[in-house]
mmCIF file of all heavy atoms, coordinates in Angstrom:
data_MODEL
# 
_entry.id   MODEL 
# 
loop_
_atom_site.group_PDB 
_atom_site.id 
_atom_site.type_symbol 
_atom_site.label_atom_id 
_atom_site.label_alt_id 
_atom_site.label_comp_id 
_atom_site.label_asym_id 
_atom_site.label_entity_id 
_atom_site.label_seq_id 
_atom_site.pdbx_PDB_ins_code 
_atom_site.Cartn_x 
_atom_site.Cartn_y 
_atom_site.Cartn_z 
_atom_site.occupancy 
_atom_site.B_iso_or_equiv 
_atom_site.pdbx_formal_charge 
_atom_site.auth_seq_id 
_atom_site.auth_comp_id 
_atom_site.auth_asym_id 
_atom_site.auth_atom_id 
_atom_site.pdbx_PDB_model_num 
ATOM 1   N N   . VAL A 1 1  ? 56.473 -183.247 -65.881 1.00 0.00 ? 1  VAL A N   1 
ATOM 2   C CA  . VAL A 1 1  ? 57.769 -182.697 -66.301 1.00 0.00 ? 1  VAL A CA  1 
ATOM 3   C C   . VAL A 1 1  ? 57.586 -181.269 -66.812 1.00 0.00 ? 1  VAL A C   1 
ATOM 4   O O   . VAL A 1 1  ? 58.346 -180.363 -66.444 1.00 0.00 ? 1  VAL A O   1 
ATOM 5   C CB  . VAL A 1 1  ? 58.424 -183.591 -67.377 1.00 0.00 ? 1  VAL A CB  1 
ATOM 6   C CG1 . VAL A 1 1  ? 59.619 -182.892 -68.030 1.00 0.00 ? 1  VAL A CG1 1 
ATOM 7   C CG2 . VAL A 1 1  ? 58.835 -184.925 -66.778 1.00 0.00 ? 1  VAL A CG2 1 
ATOM 8   N N   . ALA A 1 2  ? 56.571 -181.049 -67.639 1.00 0.00 ? 2  ALA A N   1 
ATOM 9   C CA  . ALA A 1 2  ? 56.322 -179.711 -68.186 1.00 0.00 ? 2  ALA A CA  1 
ATOM 10  C C   . ALA A 1 2  ? 56.011 -178.712 -67.072 1.00 0.00 ? 2  ALA A C   1 
ATOM 11  O O   . ALA A 1 2  ? 56.521 -177.582 -67.095 1.00 0.00 ? 2  ALA A O   1 
ATOM 12  C CB  . ALA A 1 2  ? 55.171 -179.753 -69.189 1.00 0.00 ? 2  ALA A CB  1 
ATOM 13  N N   . ARG A 1 3  ? 55.200 -179.117 -66.085 1.00 0.00 ? 3  ARG A N   1 
ATOM 14  C CA  . ARG A 1 3  ? 54.905 -178.222 -64.953 1.00 0.00 ? 3  ARG A CA  1 
ATOM 15  C C   . ARG A 1 3  ? 56.175 -177.870 -64.189 1.00 0.00 ? 3  ARG A C   1 
ATOM 16  O O   . ARG A 1 3  ? 56.389 -176.718 -63.808 1.00 0.00 ? 3  ARG A O   1 
ATOM 17  C CB  . ARG A 1 3  ? 53.899 -178.874 -63.999 1.00 0.00 ? 3  ARG A CB  1 
ATOM 18  C CG  . ARG A 1 3  ? 52.465 -178.619 -64.341 1.00 0.00 ? 3  ARG A CG  1 
ATOM 19  C CD  . ARG A 1 3  ? 51.532 -179.039 -63.206 1.00 0.00 ? 3  ARG A CD  1 
ATOM 20  N NE  . ARG A 1 3  ? 51.548 -180.471 -62.975 1.00 0.00 ? 3  ARG A NE  1 
ATOM 21  C CZ  . ARG A 1 3  ? 50.878 -181.361 -63.701 1.00 0.00 ? 3  ARG A CZ  1 
ATOM 22  N NH1 . ARG A 1 3  ? 50.145 -180.965 -64.726 1.00 0.00 ? 3  ARG A NH1 1 
ATOM 23  N NH2 . ARG A 1 3  ? 50.937 -182.642 -63.411 1.00 0.00 ? 3  ARG A NH2 1 
ATOM 24  N N   . THR A 1 4  ? 57.023 -178.855 -63.994 1.00 0.00 ? 4  THR A N   1 
ATOM 25  C CA  . THR A 1 4  ? 58.272 -178.624 -63.263 1.00 0.00 ? 4  THR A CA  1 
ATOM 26  C C   . THR A 1 4  ? 59.179 -177.665 -64.020 1.00 0.00 ? 4  THR A C   1 
ATOM 27  O O   . THR A 1 4  ? 59.732 -176.727 -63.439 1.00 0.00 ? 4  THR A O   1 
ATOM 28  C CB  . THR A 1 4  ? 58.992 -179.962 -63.009 1.00 0.00 ? 4  THR A CB  1 
ATOM 29  O OG1 . THR A 1 4  ? 58.132 -180.800 -62.230 1.00 0.00 ? 4  THR A OG1 1 
ATOM 30  C CG2 . THR A 1 4  ? 60.302 -179.752 -62.275 1.00 0.00 ? 4  THR A CG2 1 
ATOM 31  N N   . VAL A 1 5  ? 59.299 -177.867 -65.322 1.00 0.00 ? 5  VAL A N   1 
ATOM 32  C CA  . VAL A 1 5  ? 60.155 -176.988 -66.131 1.00 0.00 ? 5  VAL A CA  1 
ATOM 33  C C   . VAL A 1 5  ? 59.591 -175.570 -66.147 1.00 0.00 ? 5  VAL A C   1 
ATOM 34  O O   . VAL A 1 5  ? 60.342 -174.592 -66.025 1.00 0.00 ? 5  VAL A O   1 
ATOM 35  C CB  . VAL A 1 5  ? 60.328 -177.547 -67.559 1.00 0.00 ? 5  VAL A CB  1 
ATOM 36  C CG1 . VAL A 1 5  ? 61.005 -176.529 -68.470 1.00 0.00 ? 5  VAL A CG1 1 
ATOM 37  C CG2 . VAL A 1 5  ? 61.119 -178.840 -67.524 1.00 0.00 ? 5  VAL A CG2 1 
ATOM 38  N N   . ARG A 1 6  ? 58.256 -175.440 -66.264 1.00 0.00 ? 6  ARG A N   1 
ATOM 39  C CA  . ARG A 1 6  ? 57.656 -174.092 -66.231 1.00 0.00 ? 6  ARG A CA  1 
ATOM 40  C C   . ARG A 1 6  ? 57.923 -173.407 -64.900 1.00 0.00 ? 6  ARG A C   1 
ATOM 41  O O   . ARG A 1 6  ? 58.222 -172.213 -64.858 1.00 0.00 ? 6  ARG A O   1 
ATOM 42  C CB  . ARG A 1 6  ? 56.148 -174.169 -66.502 1.00 0.00 ? 6  ARG A CB  1 
ATOM 43  C CG  . ARG A 1 6  ? 55.806 -174.327 -67.968 1.00 0.00 ? 6  ARG A CG  1 
ATOM 44  C CD  . ARG A 1 6  ? 54.331 -174.074 -68.238 1.00 0.00 ? 6  ARG A CD  1 
ATOM 45  N NE  . ARG A 1 6  ? 53.468 -174.989 -67.517 1.00 0.00 ? 6  ARG A NE  1 
ATOM 46  C CZ  . ARG A 1 6  ? 53.063 -176.178 -67.962 1.00 0.00 ? 6  ARG A CZ  1 
ATOM 47  N NH1 . ARG A 1 6  ? 53.470 -176.599 -69.137 1.00 0.00 ? 6  ARG A NH1 1 
ATOM 48  N NH2 . ARG A 1 6  ? 52.261 -176.929 -67.248 1.00 0.00 ? 6  ARG A NH2 1 
ATOM 49  N N   . ARG A 1 7  ? 57.826 -174.162 -63.799 1.00 0.00 ? 7  ARG A N   1 
ATOM 50  C CA  . ARG A 1 7  ? 58.087 -173.584 -62.482 1.00 0.00 ? 7  ARG A CA  1 
ATOM 51  C C   . ARG A 1 7  ? 59.551 -173.135 -62.369 1.00 0.00 ? 7  ARG A C   1 
ATOM 52  O O   . ARG A 1 7  ? 59.845 -172.052 -61.884 1.00 0.00 ? 7  ARG A O   1 
ATOM 53  C CB  . ARG A 1 7  ? 57.756 -174.589 -61.374 1.00 0.00 ? 7  ARG A CB  1 
ATOM 54  C CG  . ARG A 1 7  ? 57.803 -173.956 -59.987 1.00 0.00 ? 7  ARG A CG  1 
ATOM 55  C CD  . ARG A 1 7  ? 57.616 -174.953 -58.863 1.00 0.00 ? 7  ARG A CD  1 
ATOM 56  N NE  . ARG A 1 7  ? 58.873 -175.673 -58.673 1.00 0.00 ? 7  ARG A NE  1 
ATOM 57  C CZ  . ARG A 1 7  ? 59.069 -176.968 -58.905 1.00 0.00 ? 7  ARG A CZ  1 
ATOM 58  N NH1 . ARG A 1 7  ? 58.086 -177.722 -59.318 1.00 0.00 ? 7  ARG A NH1 1 
ATOM 59  N NH2 . ARG A 1 7  ? 60.237 -177.520 -58.717 1.00 0.00 ? 7  ARG A NH2 1 
ATOM 60  N N   . ILE A 1 8  ? 60.460 -173.960 -62.853 1.00 0.00 ? 8  ILE A N   1 
ATOM 61  C CA  . ILE A 1 8  ? 61.883 -173.603 -62.819 1.00 0.00 ? 8  ILE A CA  1 
ATOM 62  C C   . ILE A 1 8  ? 62.136 -172.362 -63.663 1.00 0.00 ? 8  ILE A C   1 
ATOM 63  O O   . ILE A 1 8  ? 62.854 -171.443 -63.252 1.00 0.00 ? 8  ILE A O   1 
ATOM 64  C CB  . ILE A 1 8  ? 62.745 -174.786 -63.306 1.00 0.00 ? 8  ILE A CB  1 
ATOM 65  C CG1 . ILE A 1 8  ? 62.695 -175.915 -62.273 1.00 0.00 ? 8  ILE A CG1 1 
ATOM 66  C CG2 . ILE A 1 8  ? 64.186 -174.350 -63.571 1.00 0.00 ? 8  ILE A CG2 1 
ATOM 67  C CD1 . ILE A 1 8  ? 63.249 -177.236 -62.777 1.00 0.00 ? 8  ILE A CD1 1 
ATOM 68  N N   . ALA A 1 9  ? 61.533 -172.313 -64.848 1.00 0.00 ? 9  ALA A N   1 
ATOM 69  C CA  . ALA A 1 9  ? 61.709 -171.150 -65.724 1.00 0.00 ? 9  ALA A CA  1 
ATOM 70  C C   . ALA A 1 9  ? 61.147 -169.898 -65.073 1.00 0.00 ? 9  ALA A C   1 
ATOM 71  O O   . ALA A 1 9  ? 61.753 -168.822 -65.151 1.00 0.00 ? 9  ALA A O   1 
ATOM 72  C CB  . ALA A 1 9  ? 61.046 -171.398 -67.079 1.00 0.00 ? 9  ALA A CB  1 
ATOM 73  N N   . ALA A 1 10 ? 59.983 -170.017 -64.429 1.00 0.00 ? 10 ALA A N   1 
ATOM 74  C CA  . ALA A 1 10 ? 59.381 -168.855 -63.758 1.00 0.00 ? 10 ALA A CA  1 
ATOM 75  C C   . ALA A 1 10 ? 60.260 -168.391 -62.608 1.00 0.00 ? 10 ALA A C   1 
ATOM 76  O O   . ALA A 1 10 ? 60.475 -167.188 -62.424 1.00 0.00 ? 10 ALA A O   1 
ATOM 77  C CB  . ALA A 1 10 ? 57.986 -169.201 -63.256 1.00 0.00 ? 10 ALA A CB  1 
ATOM 78  N N   . ASP A 1 11 ? 60.785 -169.340 -61.836 1.00 0.00 ? 11 ASP A N   1 
ATOM 79  C CA  . ASP A 1 11 ? 61.687 -168.980 -60.733 1.00 0.00 ? 11 ASP A CA  1 
ATOM 80  C C   . ASP A 1 11 ? 62.951 -168.308 -61.256 1.00 0.00 ? 11 ASP A C   1 
ATOM 81  O O   . ASP A 1 11 ? 63.418 -167.327 -60.696 1.00 0.00 ? 11 ASP A O   1 
ATOM 82  C CB  . ASP A 1 11 ? 62.070 -170.213 -59.909 1.00 0.00 ? 11 ASP A CB  1 
ATOM 83  C CG  . ASP A 1 11 ? 60.909 -170.774 -59.110 1.00 0.00 ? 11 ASP A CG  1 
ATOM 84  O OD1 . ASP A 1 11 ? 59.851 -170.108 -59.008 1.00 0.00 ? 11 ASP A OD1 1 
ATOM 85  O OD2 . ASP A 1 11 ? 61.055 -171.899 -58.589 1.00 0.00 ? 11 ASP A OD2 1 
ATOM 86  N N   . ALA A 1 12 ? 63.481 -168.852 -62.347 1.00 0.00 ? 12 ALA A N   1 
ATOM 87  C CA  . ALA A 1 12 ? 64.706 -168.291 -62.914 1.00 0.00 ? 12 ALA A CA  1 
ATOM 88  C C   . ALA A 1 12 ? 64.466 -166.902 -63.474 1.00 0.00 ? 12 ALA A C   1 
ATOM 89  O O   . ALA A 1 12 ? 65.303 -166.016 -63.340 1.00 0.00 ? 12 ALA A O   1 
ATOM 90  C CB  . ALA A 1 12 ? 65.249 -169.207 -64.007 1.00 0.00 ? 12 ALA A CB  1 
ATOM 91  N N   . SER A 1 13 ? 63.303 -166.691 -64.090 1.00 0.00 ? 13 SER A N   1 
ATOM 92  C CA  . SER A 1 13 ? 63.046 -165.377 -64.670 1.00 0.00 ? 13 SER A CA  1 
ATOM 93  C C   . SER A 1 13 ? 62.886 -164.330 -63.574 1.00 0.00 ? 13 SER A C   1 
ATOM 94  O O   . SER A 1 13 ? 63.216 -163.172 -63.782 1.00 0.00 ? 13 SER A O   1 
ATOM 95  C CB  . SER A 1 13 ? 61.813 -165.414 -65.580 1.00 0.00 ? 13 SER A CB  1 
ATOM 96  O OG  . SER A 1 13 ? 60.640 -165.616 -64.819 1.00 0.00 ? 13 SER A OG  1 
ATOM 97  N N   . GLY A 1 14 ? 62.416 -164.748 -62.425 1.00 0.00 ? 14 GLY A N   1 
ATOM 98  C CA  . GLY A 1 14 ? 62.320 -163.828 -61.290 1.00 0.00 ? 14 GLY A CA  1 
ATOM 99  C C   . GLY A 1 14 ? 63.686 -163.405 -60.797 1.00 0.00 ? 14 GLY A C   1 
ATOM 100 O O   . GLY A 1 14 ? 63.853 -162.358 -60.203 1.00 0.00 ? 14 GLY A O   1 
ATOM 101 N N   . ALA A 1 15 ? 64.674 -164.239 -61.084 1.00 0.00 ? 15 ALA A N   1 
ATOM 102 C CA  . ALA A 1 15 ? 66.041 -163.939 -60.669 1.00 0.00 ? 15 ALA A CA  1 
ATOM 103 C C   . ALA A 1 15 ? 66.823 -163.240 -61.772 1.00 0.00 ? 15 ALA A C   1 
ATOM 104 O O   . ALA A 1 15 ? 68.033 -163.134 -61.708 1.00 0.00 ? 15 ALA A O   1 
ATOM 105 C CB  . ALA A 1 15 ? 66.757 -165.234 -60.274 1.00 0.00 ? 15 ALA A CB  1 
ATOM 106 N N   . GLY A 1 16 ? 66.112 -162.788 -62.808 1.00 0.00 ? 16 GLY A N   1 
ATOM 107 C CA  . GLY A 1 16 ? 66.783 -162.058 -63.880 1.00 0.00 ? 16 GLY A CA  1 
ATOM 108 C C   . GLY A 1 16 ? 67.192 -162.918 -65.059 1.00 0.00 ? 16 GLY A C   1 
ATOM 109 O O   . GLY A 1 16 ? 67.886 -162.455 -65.944 1.00 0.00 ? 16 GLY A O   1 
ATOM 110 N N   . ALA A 1 17 ? 66.775 -164.165 -65.100 1.00 0.00 ? 17 ALA A N   1 
ATOM 111 C CA  . ALA A 1 17 ? 67.158 -165.061 -66.192 1.00 0.00 ? 17 ALA A CA  1 
ATOM 112 C C   . ALA A 1 17 ? 66.075 -165.071 -67.266 1.00 0.00 ? 17 ALA A C   1 
ATOM 113 O O   . ALA A 1 17 ? 65.508 -166.087 -67.599 1.00 0.00 ? 17 ALA A O   1 
ATOM 114 C CB  . ALA A 1 17 ? 67.399 -166.465 -65.657 1.00 0.00 ? 17 ALA A CB  1 
ATOM 115 N N   . VAL A 1 18 ? 65.785 -163.929 -67.829 1.00 0.00 ? 18 VAL A N   1 
ATOM 116 C CA  . VAL A 1 18 ? 64.729 -163.790 -68.828 1.00 0.00 ? 18 VAL A CA  1 
ATOM 117 C C   . VAL A 1 18 ? 64.971 -164.656 -70.059 1.00 0.00 ? 18 VAL A C   1 
ATOM 118 O O   . VAL A 1 18 ? 64.020 -165.217 -70.600 1.00 0.00 ? 18 VAL A O   1 
ATOM 119 C CB  . VAL A 1 18 ? 64.546 -162.301 -69.209 1.00 0.00 ? 18 VAL A CB  1 
ATOM 120 C CG1 . VAL A 1 18 ? 63.530 -162.137 -70.320 1.00 0.00 ? 18 VAL A CG1 1 
ATOM 121 C CG2 . VAL A 1 18 ? 64.155 -161.505 -67.978 1.00 0.00 ? 18 VAL A CG2 1 
ATOM 122 N N   . PRO A 1 19 ? 66.193 -164.834 -70.555 1.00 0.00 ? 19 PRO A N   1 
ATOM 123 C CA  . PRO A 1 19 ? 66.379 -165.676 -71.741 1.00 0.00 ? 19 PRO A CA  1 
ATOM 124 C C   . PRO A 1 19 ? 65.819 -167.090 -71.560 1.00 0.00 ? 19 PRO A C   1 
ATOM 125 O O   . PRO A 1 19 ? 65.290 -167.675 -72.489 1.00 0.00 ? 19 PRO A O   1 
ATOM 126 C CB  . PRO A 1 19 ? 67.894 -165.699 -71.933 1.00 0.00 ? 19 PRO A CB  1 
ATOM 127 C CG  . PRO A 1 19 ? 68.343 -164.402 -71.351 1.00 0.00 ? 19 PRO A CG  1 
ATOM 128 C CD  . PRO A 1 19 ? 67.423 -164.184 -70.157 1.00 0.00 ? 19 PRO A CD  1 
ATOM 129 N N   . CYS A 1 20 ? 65.912 -167.637 -70.361 1.00 0.00 ? 20 CYS A N   1 
ATOM 130 C CA  . CYS A 1 20 ? 65.372 -168.970 -70.095 1.00 0.00 ? 20 CYS A CA  1 
ATOM 131 C C   . CYS A 1 20 ? 63.866 -168.978 -70.318 1.00 0.00 ? 20 CYS A C   1 
ATOM 132 O O   . CYS A 1 20 ? 63.329 -169.878 -70.942 1.00 0.00 ? 20 CYS A O   1 
ATOM 133 C CB  . CYS A 1 20 ? 65.695 -169.383 -68.657 1.00 0.00 ? 20 CYS A CB  1 
ATOM 134 S SG  . CYS A 1 20 ? 65.057 -171.004 -68.226 1.00 0.00 ? 20 CYS A SG  1 
ATOM 135 N N   . ARG A 1 21 ? 63.201 -167.954 -69.846 1.00 0.00 ? 21 ARG A N   1 
ATOM 136 C CA  . ARG A 1 21 ? 61.747 -167.875 -70.025 1.00 0.00 ? 21 ARG A CA  1 
ATOM 137 C C   . ARG A 1 21 ? 61.404 -167.724 -71.497 1.00 0.00 ? 21 ARG A C   1 
ATOM 138 O O   . ARG A 1 21 ? 60.475 -168.342 -71.987 1.00 0.00 ? 21 ARG A O   1 
ATOM 139 C CB  . ARG A 1 21 ? 61.170 -166.718 -69.221 1.00 0.00 ? 21 ARG A CB  1 
ATOM 140 C CG  . ARG A 1 21 ? 59.677 -166.663 -69.338 1.00 0.00 ? 21 ARG A CG  1 
ATOM 141 C CD  . ARG A 1 21 ? 59.072 -165.595 -68.487 1.00 0.00 ? 21 ARG A CD  1 
ATOM 142 N NE  . ARG A 1 21 ? 57.740 -166.023 -68.166 1.00 0.00 ? 21 ARG A NE  1 
ATOM 143 C CZ  . ARG A 1 21 ? 57.136 -165.794 -67.054 1.00 0.00 ? 21 ARG A CZ  1 
ATOM 144 N NH1 . ARG A 1 21 ? 57.726 -165.132 -66.112 1.00 0.00 ? 21 ARG A NH1 1 
ATOM 145 N NH2 . ARG A 1 21 ? 55.924 -166.210 -66.851 1.00 0.00 ? 21 ARG A NH2 1 
ATOM 146 N N   . ARG A 1 22 ? 62.137 -166.903 -72.245 1.00 0.00 ? 22 ARG A N   1 
ATOM 147 C CA  . ARG A 1 22 ? 61.868 -166.746 -73.669 1.00 0.00 ? 22 ARG A CA  1 
ATOM 148 C C   . ARG A 1 22 ? 62.071 -168.059 -74.409 1.00 0.00 ? 22 ARG A C   1 
ATOM 149 O O   . ARG A 1 22 ? 61.289 -168.422 -75.270 1.00 0.00 ? 22 ARG A O   1 
ATOM 150 C CB  . ARG A 1 22 ? 62.780 -165.670 -74.265 1.00 0.00 ? 22 ARG A CB  1 
ATOM 151 C CG  . ARG A 1 22 ? 62.179 -164.291 -74.134 1.00 0.00 ? 22 ARG A CG  1 
ATOM 152 C CD  . ARG A 1 22 ? 62.991 -163.285 -74.893 1.00 0.00 ? 22 ARG A CD  1 
ATOM 153 N NE  . ARG A 1 22 ? 63.552 -162.435 -73.850 1.00 0.00 ? 22 ARG A NE  1 
ATOM 154 C CZ  . ARG A 1 22 ? 64.746 -161.912 -73.843 1.00 0.00 ? 22 ARG A CZ  1 
ATOM 155 N NH1 . ARG A 1 22 ? 65.563 -162.100 -74.831 1.00 0.00 ? 22 ARG A NH1 1 
ATOM 156 N NH2 . ARG A 1 22 ? 65.157 -161.178 -72.856 1.00 0.00 ? 22 ARG A NH2 1 
ATOM 157 N N   . TRP A 1 23 ? 63.119 -168.792 -74.057 1.00 0.00 ? 23 TRP A N   1 
ATOM 158 C CA  . TRP A 1 23 ? 63.378 -170.085 -74.674 1.00 0.00 ? 23 TRP A CA  1 
ATOM 159 C C   . TRP A 1 23 ? 62.203 -171.023 -74.428 1.00 0.00 ? 23 TRP A C   1 
ATOM 160 O O   . TRP A 1 23 ? 61.716 -171.665 -75.339 1.00 0.00 ? 23 TRP A O   1 
ATOM 161 C CB  . TRP A 1 23 ? 64.663 -170.673 -74.092 1.00 0.00 ? 23 TRP A CB  1 
ATOM 162 C CG  . TRP A 1 23 ? 64.935 -172.061 -74.574 1.00 0.00 ? 23 TRP A CG  1 
ATOM 163 C CD1 . TRP A 1 23 ? 65.577 -172.416 -75.722 1.00 0.00 ? 23 TRP A CD1 1 
ATOM 164 C CD2 . TRP A 1 23 ? 64.552 -173.286 -73.950 1.00 0.00 ? 23 TRP A CD2 1 
ATOM 165 N NE1 . TRP A 1 23 ? 65.616 -173.767 -75.844 1.00 0.00 ? 23 TRP A NE1 1 
ATOM 166 C CE2 . TRP A 1 23 ? 65.000 -174.335 -74.762 1.00 0.00 ? 23 TRP A CE2 1 
ATOM 167 C CE3 . TRP A 1 23 ? 63.877 -173.593 -72.779 1.00 0.00 ? 23 TRP A CE3 1 
ATOM 168 C CZ2 . TRP A 1 23 ? 64.796 -175.667 -74.440 1.00 0.00 ? 23 TRP A CZ2 1 
ATOM 169 C CZ3 . TRP A 1 23 ? 63.678 -174.925 -72.454 1.00 0.00 ? 23 TRP A CZ3 1 
ATOM 170 C CH2 . TRP A 1 23 ? 64.134 -175.940 -73.280 1.00 0.00 ? 23 TRP A CH2 1 
ATOM 171 N N   . TRP A 1 24 ? 61.721 -171.107 -73.189 1.00 0.00 ? 24 TRP A N   1 
ATOM 172 C CA  . TRP A 1 24 ? 60.629 -172.019 -72.852 1.00 0.00 ? 24 TRP A CA  1 
ATOM 173 C C   . TRP A 1 24 ? 59.339 -171.575 -73.543 1.00 0.00 ? 24 TRP A C   1 
ATOM 174 O O   . TRP A 1 24 ? 58.604 -172.403 -74.067 1.00 0.00 ? 24 TRP A O   1 
ATOM 175 C CB  . TRP A 1 24 ? 60.443 -172.096 -71.346 1.00 0.00 ? 24 TRP A CB  1 
ATOM 176 C CG  . TRP A 1 24 ? 59.311 -172.988 -70.980 1.00 0.00 ? 24 TRP A CG  1 
ATOM 177 C CD1 . TRP A 1 24 ? 58.114 -172.636 -70.468 1.00 0.00 ? 24 TRP A CD1 1 
ATOM 178 C CD2 . TRP A 1 24 ? 59.230 -174.401 -71.175 1.00 0.00 ? 24 TRP A CD2 1 
ATOM 179 N NE1 . TRP A 1 24 ? 57.313 -173.729 -70.304 1.00 0.00 ? 24 TRP A NE1 1 
ATOM 180 C CE2 . TRP A 1 24 ? 57.976 -174.818 -70.737 1.00 0.00 ? 24 TRP A CE2 1 
ATOM 181 C CE3 . TRP A 1 24 ? 60.112 -175.349 -71.699 1.00 0.00 ? 24 TRP A CE3 1 
ATOM 182 C CZ2 . TRP A 1 24 ? 57.562 -176.140 -70.788 1.00 0.00 ? 24 TRP A CZ2 1 
ATOM 183 C CZ3 . TRP A 1 24 ? 59.705 -176.678 -71.729 1.00 0.00 ? 24 TRP A CZ3 1 
ATOM 184 C CH2 . TRP A 1 24 ? 58.444 -177.049 -71.285 1.00 0.00 ? 24 TRP A CH2 1 
ATOM 185 N N   . THR A 1 25 ? 59.045 -170.310 -73.583 1.00 0.00 ? 25 THR A N   1 
ATOM 186 C CA  . THR A 1 25 ? 57.814 -169.805 -74.173 1.00 0.00 ? 25 THR A CA  1 
ATOM 187 C C   . THR A 1 25 ? 57.764 -170.147 -75.659 1.00 0.00 ? 25 THR A C   1 
ATOM 188 O O   . THR A 1 25 ? 56.723 -170.546 -76.173 1.00 0.00 ? 25 THR A O   1 
ATOM 189 C CB  . THR A 1 25 ? 57.701 -168.275 -73.958 1.00 0.00 ? 25 THR A CB  1 
ATOM 190 O OG1 . THR A 1 25 ? 57.763 -168.020 -72.562 1.00 0.00 ? 25 THR A OG1 1 
ATOM 191 C CG2 . THR A 1 25 ? 56.418 -167.739 -74.525 1.00 0.00 ? 25 THR A CG2 1 
ATOM 192 N N   . ARG A 1 26 ? 58.872 -170.013 -76.355 1.00 0.00 ? 26 ARG A N   1 
ATOM 193 C CA  . ARG A 1 26 ? 58.901 -170.349 -77.793 1.00 0.00 ? 26 ARG A CA  1 
ATOM 194 C C   . ARG A 1 26 ? 58.579 -171.815 -78.017 1.00 0.00 ? 26 ARG A C   1 
ATOM 195 O O   . ARG A 1 26 ? 57.963 -172.183 -78.993 1.00 0.00 ? 26 ARG A O   1 
ATOM 196 C CB  . ARG A 1 26 ? 60.276 -170.035 -78.384 1.00 0.00 ? 26 ARG A CB  1 
ATOM 197 C CG  . ARG A 1 26 ? 60.490 -168.571 -78.672 1.00 0.00 ? 26 ARG A CG  1 
ATOM 198 C CD  . ARG A 1 26 ? 61.710 -168.384 -79.558 1.00 0.00 ? 26 ARG A CD  1 
ATOM 199 N NE  . ARG A 1 26 ? 62.901 -169.012 -79.016 1.00 0.00 ? 26 ARG A NE  1 
ATOM 200 C CZ  . ARG A 1 26 ? 63.846 -168.358 -78.344 1.00 0.00 ? 26 ARG A CZ  1 
ATOM 201 N NH1 . ARG A 1 26 ? 63.751 -167.076 -78.122 1.00 0.00 ? 26 ARG A NH1 1 
ATOM 202 N NH2 . ARG A 1 26 ? 64.896 -169.006 -77.889 1.00 0.00 ? 26 ARG A NH2 1 
ATOM 203 N N   . ARG A 1 27 ? 58.989 -172.674 -77.131 1.00 0.00 ? 27 ARG A N   1 
ATOM 204 C CA  . ARG A 1 27 ? 58.811 -174.115 -77.317 1.00 0.00 ? 27 ARG A CA  1 
ATOM 205 C C   . ARG A 1 27 ? 57.454 -174.611 -76.855 1.00 0.00 ? 27 ARG A C   1 
ATOM 206 O O   . ARG A 1 27 ? 57.036 -175.699 -77.227 1.00 0.00 ? 27 ARG A O   1 
ATOM 207 C CB  . ARG A 1 27 ? 59.915 -174.883 -76.599 1.00 0.00 ? 27 ARG A CB  1 
ATOM 208 C CG  . ARG A 1 27 ? 61.141 -174.904 -77.480 1.00 0.00 ? 27 ARG A CG  1 
ATOM 209 C CD  . ARG A 1 27 ? 62.414 -174.962 -76.709 1.00 0.00 ? 27 ARG A CD  1 
ATOM 210 N NE  . ARG A 1 27 ? 63.574 -174.916 -77.584 1.00 0.00 ? 27 ARG A NE  1 
ATOM 211 C CZ  . ARG A 1 27 ? 64.054 -173.839 -78.140 1.00 0.00 ? 27 ARG A CZ  1 
ATOM 212 N NH1 . ARG A 1 27 ? 63.473 -172.694 -77.953 1.00 0.00 ? 27 ARG A NH1 1 
ATOM 213 N NH2 . ARG A 1 27 ? 65.111 -173.867 -78.910 1.00 0.00 ? 27 ARG A NH2 1 
# 
């Protein structure tokens, strides 16, 4: 599950969704 969420966050951040990556990194 964690690998999947990290992959989704990385994909989203590539599309300009940086807040998602910051949220995941903090957690």
